[in-house]
Amino acid sequence: MSDTPTCNWQGVSGRVYKYWVHPIKTPLKAAAGNYIFAKLNNLDQWVPVYIGQTENLSERFDNHHAMPCIKRNGATHIHAHLNSDEKARIEEEGDLIAAYSTSCNIAA
């Protein structure tokens, strides 16, 4: 993965999380982790469209409940990193959602 680009995302807590950047259709590893659907803005900065976590990053995201919104809002890439600890994944997801105003994360 050394040639795969990375992006650091900072949560509202101040904690920084390192993600690997892949075009949306890239097959990901069959492992638990966090992910961010994102796009570049006109300043070449990543903008999150949807932030989530899963037990299996290799799942096909075509059937993701937010995919119509993700596509409509122009996400081009999926940022992902492995995280086998479910509690830590959920905390990280919440930390990042609190830090960014995304187009497709809807408060429950």
C-alpha atoms as a PDB file:
ATOM      1  CA  MET A   1       0.000   0.000   0.000  1.00  0.00           C
ATOM      2  CA  SER A   2       3.013   2.285   0.057  1.00  0.00           C
ATOM      3  CA  ASP A   3       2.153   3.782  -3.364  1.00  0.00           C
ATOM      4  CA  THR A   4      -1.477   4.391  -2.383  1.00  0.00           C
ATOM      5  CA  PRO A   5      -2.128   8.057  -1.558  1.00  0.00           C
ATOM      6  CA  THR A   6      -3.209   8.923   1.961  1.00  0.00           C
ATOM      7  CA  CYS A   7      -5.268  11.649   3.588  1.00  0.00           C
ATOM      8  CA  ASN A   8      -5.404  12.654   7.239  1.00  0.00           C
ATOM      9  CA  TRP A   9      -8.833  13.477   8.678  1.00  0.00           C
ATOM     10  CA  GLN A  10      -9.077  15.272  12.035  1.00  0.00           C
ATOM     11  CA  GLY A  11     -11.979  14.568  14.352  1.00  0.00           C
ATOM     12  CA  VAL A  12     -13.688  17.119  16.585  1.00  0.00           C
ATOM     13  CA  SER A  13     -11.628  15.583  19.431  1.00  0.00           C
ATOM     14  CA  GLY A  14      -8.409  16.714  17.712  1.00  0.00           C
ATOM     15  CA  ARG A  15      -7.398  13.131  16.961  1.00  0.00           C
ATOM     16  CA  VAL A  16      -6.016  12.599  13.439  1.00  0.00           C
ATOM     17  CA  TYR A  17      -6.896   9.468  11.450  1.00  0.00           C
ATOM     18  CA  LYS A  18      -4.855   8.316   8.431  1.00  0.00           C
ATOM     19  CA  TYR A  19      -6.901   6.973   5.499  1.00  0.00           C
ATOM     20  CA  TRP A  20      -5.819   5.440   2.194  1.00  0.00           C
ATOM     21  CA  VAL A  21      -7.426   7.044  -0.873  1.00  0.00           C
ATOM     22  CA  HIS A  22      -8.955   4.868  -3.619  1.00  0.00           C
ATOM     23  CA  PRO A  23     -11.200   5.561  -6.621  1.00  0.00           C
ATOM     24  CA  ILE A  24     -14.767   4.556  -5.657  1.00  0.00           C
ATOM     25  CA  LYS A  25     -14.865   1.269  -7.630  1.00  0.00           C
ATOM     26  CA  THR A  26     -11.576  -0.056  -6.144  1.00  0.00           C
ATOM     27  CA  PRO A  27     -12.017  -3.449  -4.409  1.00  0.00           C
ATOM     28  CA  LEU A  28     -11.044  -3.114  -0.753  1.00  0.00           C
ATOM     29  CA  LYS A  29      -9.687  -5.663   1.705  1.00  0.00           C
ATOM     30  CA  ALA A  30     -12.169  -8.008   3.416  1.00  0.00           C
ATOM     31  CA  ALA A  31     -11.614  -6.554   6.871  1.00  0.00           C
ATOM     32  CA  ALA A  32     -13.302  -4.215   9.328  1.00  0.00           C
ATOM     33  CA  GLY A  33     -12.637  -0.520   9.034  1.00  0.00           C
ATOM     34  CA  ASN A  34     -13.779   3.057   8.654  1.00  0.00           C
ATOM     35  CA  TYR A  35     -14.446   4.767   5.338  1.00  0.00           C
ATOM     36  CA  ILE A  36     -15.220   8.174   3.889  1.00  0.00           C
ATOM     37  CA  PHE A  37     -16.762   8.843   0.488  1.00  0.00           C
ATOM     38  CA  ALA A  38     -15.145  12.082  -0.663  1.00  0.00           C
ATOM     39  CA  LYS A  39     -14.478  14.448  -3.553  1.00  0.00           C
ATOM     40  CA  LEU A  40     -11.943  17.180  -4.288  1.00  0.00           C
ATOM     41  CA  ASN A  41     -13.099  20.795  -4.169  1.00  0.00           C
ATOM     42  CA  ASN A  42     -11.824  23.583  -6.438  1.00  0.00           C
ATOM     43  CA  LEU A  43      -8.876  24.126  -4.055  1.00  0.00           C
ATOM     44  CA  ASP A  44      -7.799  20.448  -4.414  1.00  0.00           C
ATOM     45  CA  GLN A  45      -8.902  19.710  -0.847  1.00  0.00           C
ATOM     46  CA  TRP A  46     -10.834  16.575   0.088  1.00  0.00           C
ATOM     47  CA  VAL A  47     -14.439  17.156   1.100  1.00  0.00           C
ATOM     48  CA  PRO A  48     -16.284  14.319   2.883  1.00  0.00           C
ATOM     49  CA  VAL A  49     -19.664  13.363   1.445  1.00  0.00           C
ATOM     50  CA  TYR A  50     -20.399  10.394   3.744  1.00  0.00           C
ATOM     51  CA  ILE A  51     -18.545   8.961   6.769  1.00  0.00           C
ATOM     52  CA  GLY A  52     -19.111   5.405   7.972  1.00  0.00           C
ATOM     53  CA  GLN A  53     -17.752   2.191   9.439  1.00  0.00           C
ATOM     54  CA  THR A  54     -18.206  -1.476   8.556  1.00  0.00           C
ATOM     55  CA  GLU A  55     -17.209  -4.989   9.557  1.00  0.00           C
ATOM     56  CA  ASN A  56     -16.192  -5.681   5.941  1.00  0.00           C
ATOM     57  CA  LEU A  57     -14.629  -3.058   3.668  1.00  0.00           C
ATOM     58  CA  SER A  58     -14.841  -5.460   0.718  1.00  0.00           C
ATOM     59  CA  GLU A  59     -18.644  -5.266   0.708  1.00  0.00           C
ATOM     60  CA  ARG A  60     -20.029  -3.840  -2.490  1.00  0.00           C
ATOM     61  CA  PHE A  61     -21.013  -0.282  -1.707  1.00  0.00           C
ATOM     62  CA  ASP A  62     -23.392  -0.114  -4.714  1.00  0.00           C
ATOM     63  CA  ASN A  63     -26.217  -1.151  -2.381  1.00  0.00           C
ATOM     64  CA  HIS A  64     -25.230   1.261   0.400  1.00  0.00           C
ATOM     65  CA  HIS A  65     -28.319   3.034   1.763  1.00  0.00           C
ATOM     66  CA  ALA A  66     -26.750   6.449   1.115  1.00  0.00           C
ATOM     67  CA  MET A  67     -25.352   5.670  -2.371  1.00  0.00           C
ATOM     68  CA  PRO A  68     -27.956   7.744  -4.261  1.00  0.00           C
ATOM     69  CA  CYS A  69     -26.980  10.760  -2.112  1.00  0.00           C
ATOM     70  CA  ILE A  70     -23.252   9.955  -2.393  1.00  0.00           C
ATOM     71  CA  LYS A  71     -23.475   9.859  -6.211  1.00  0.00           C
ATOM     72  CA  ARG A  72     -25.716  12.933  -6.383  1.00  0.00           C
ATOM     73  CA  ASN A  73     -23.144  14.873  -4.333  1.00  0.00           C
ATOM     74  CA  GLY A  74     -20.254  13.912  -6.593  1.00  0.00           C
ATOM     75  CA  ALA A  75     -18.094  11.600  -4.471  1.00  0.00           C
ATOM     76  CA  THR A  76     -15.283  10.203  -6.604  1.00  0.00           C
ATOM     77  CA  HIS A  77     -13.159   8.357  -4.039  1.00  0.00           C
ATOM     78  CA  ILE A  78     -13.428   6.187  -0.978  1.00  0.00           C
ATOM     79  CA  HIS A  79     -10.950   6.799   1.832  1.00  0.00           C
ATOM     80  CA  ALA A  80     -10.500   3.755   4.057  1.00  0.00           C
ATOM     81  CA  HIS A  81      -8.418   2.305   6.822  1.00  0.00           C
ATOM     82  CA  LEU A  82      -8.482  -0.927   8.776  1.00  0.00           C
ATOM     83  CA  ASN A  83      -9.877  -0.896  12.289  1.00  0.00           C
ATOM     84  CA  SER A  84     -10.831  -4.249  13.829  1.00  0.00           C
ATOM     85  CA  ASP A  85     -12.127  -2.808  17.130  1.00  0.00           C
ATOM     86  CA  GLU A  86     -15.879  -2.168  16.738  1.00  0.00           C
ATOM     87  CA  LYS A  87     -16.048   0.282  19.659  1.00  0.00           C
ATOM     88  CA  ALA A  88     -13.107   2.266  18.253  1.00  0.00           C
ATOM     89  CA  ARG A  89     -14.665   2.282  14.752  1.00  0.00           C
ATOM     90  CA  ILE A  90     -17.949   3.659  16.087  1.00  0.00           C
ATOM     91  CA  GLU A  91     -16.145   6.293  18.178  1.00  0.00           C
ATOM     92  CA  GLU A  92     -14.022   7.344  15.197  1.00  0.00           C
ATOM     93  CA  GLU A  93     -17.082   7.554  12.956  1.00  0.00           C
ATOM     94  CA  GLY A  94     -18.830   9.814  15.496  1.00  0.00           C
ATOM     95  CA  ASP A  95     -15.704  11.919  16.011  1.00  0.00           C
ATOM     96  CA  LEU A  96     -15.412  12.587  12.279  1.00  0.00           C
ATOM     97  CA  ILE A  97     -19.138  13.153  11.695  1.00  0.00           C
ATOM     98  CA  ALA A  98     -19.062  15.751  14.490  1.00  0.00           C
ATOM     99  CA  ALA A  99     -16.100  17.486  12.819  1.00  0.00           C
ATOM    100  CA  TYR A 100     -17.436  17.697   9.255  1.00  0.00           C
ATOM    101  CA  SER A 101     -20.680  18.783   7.696  1.00  0.00           C
ATOM    102  CA  THR A 102     -21.354  15.992   5.203  1.00  0.00           C
ATOM    103  CA  SER A 103     -24.035  15.969   2.541  1.00  0.00           C
ATOM    104  CA  CYS A 104     -25.191  12.395   3.181  1.00  0.00           C
ATOM    105  CA  ASN A 105     -24.843  11.561   6.889  1.00  0.00           C
ATOM    106  CA  ILE A 106     -28.269  11.998   8.426  1.00  0.00           C
ATOM    107  CA  ALA A 107     -28.648  12.216  12.196  1.00  0.00           C
ATOM    108  CA  ALA A 108     -30.804   9.402  13.560  1.00  0.00           C
END
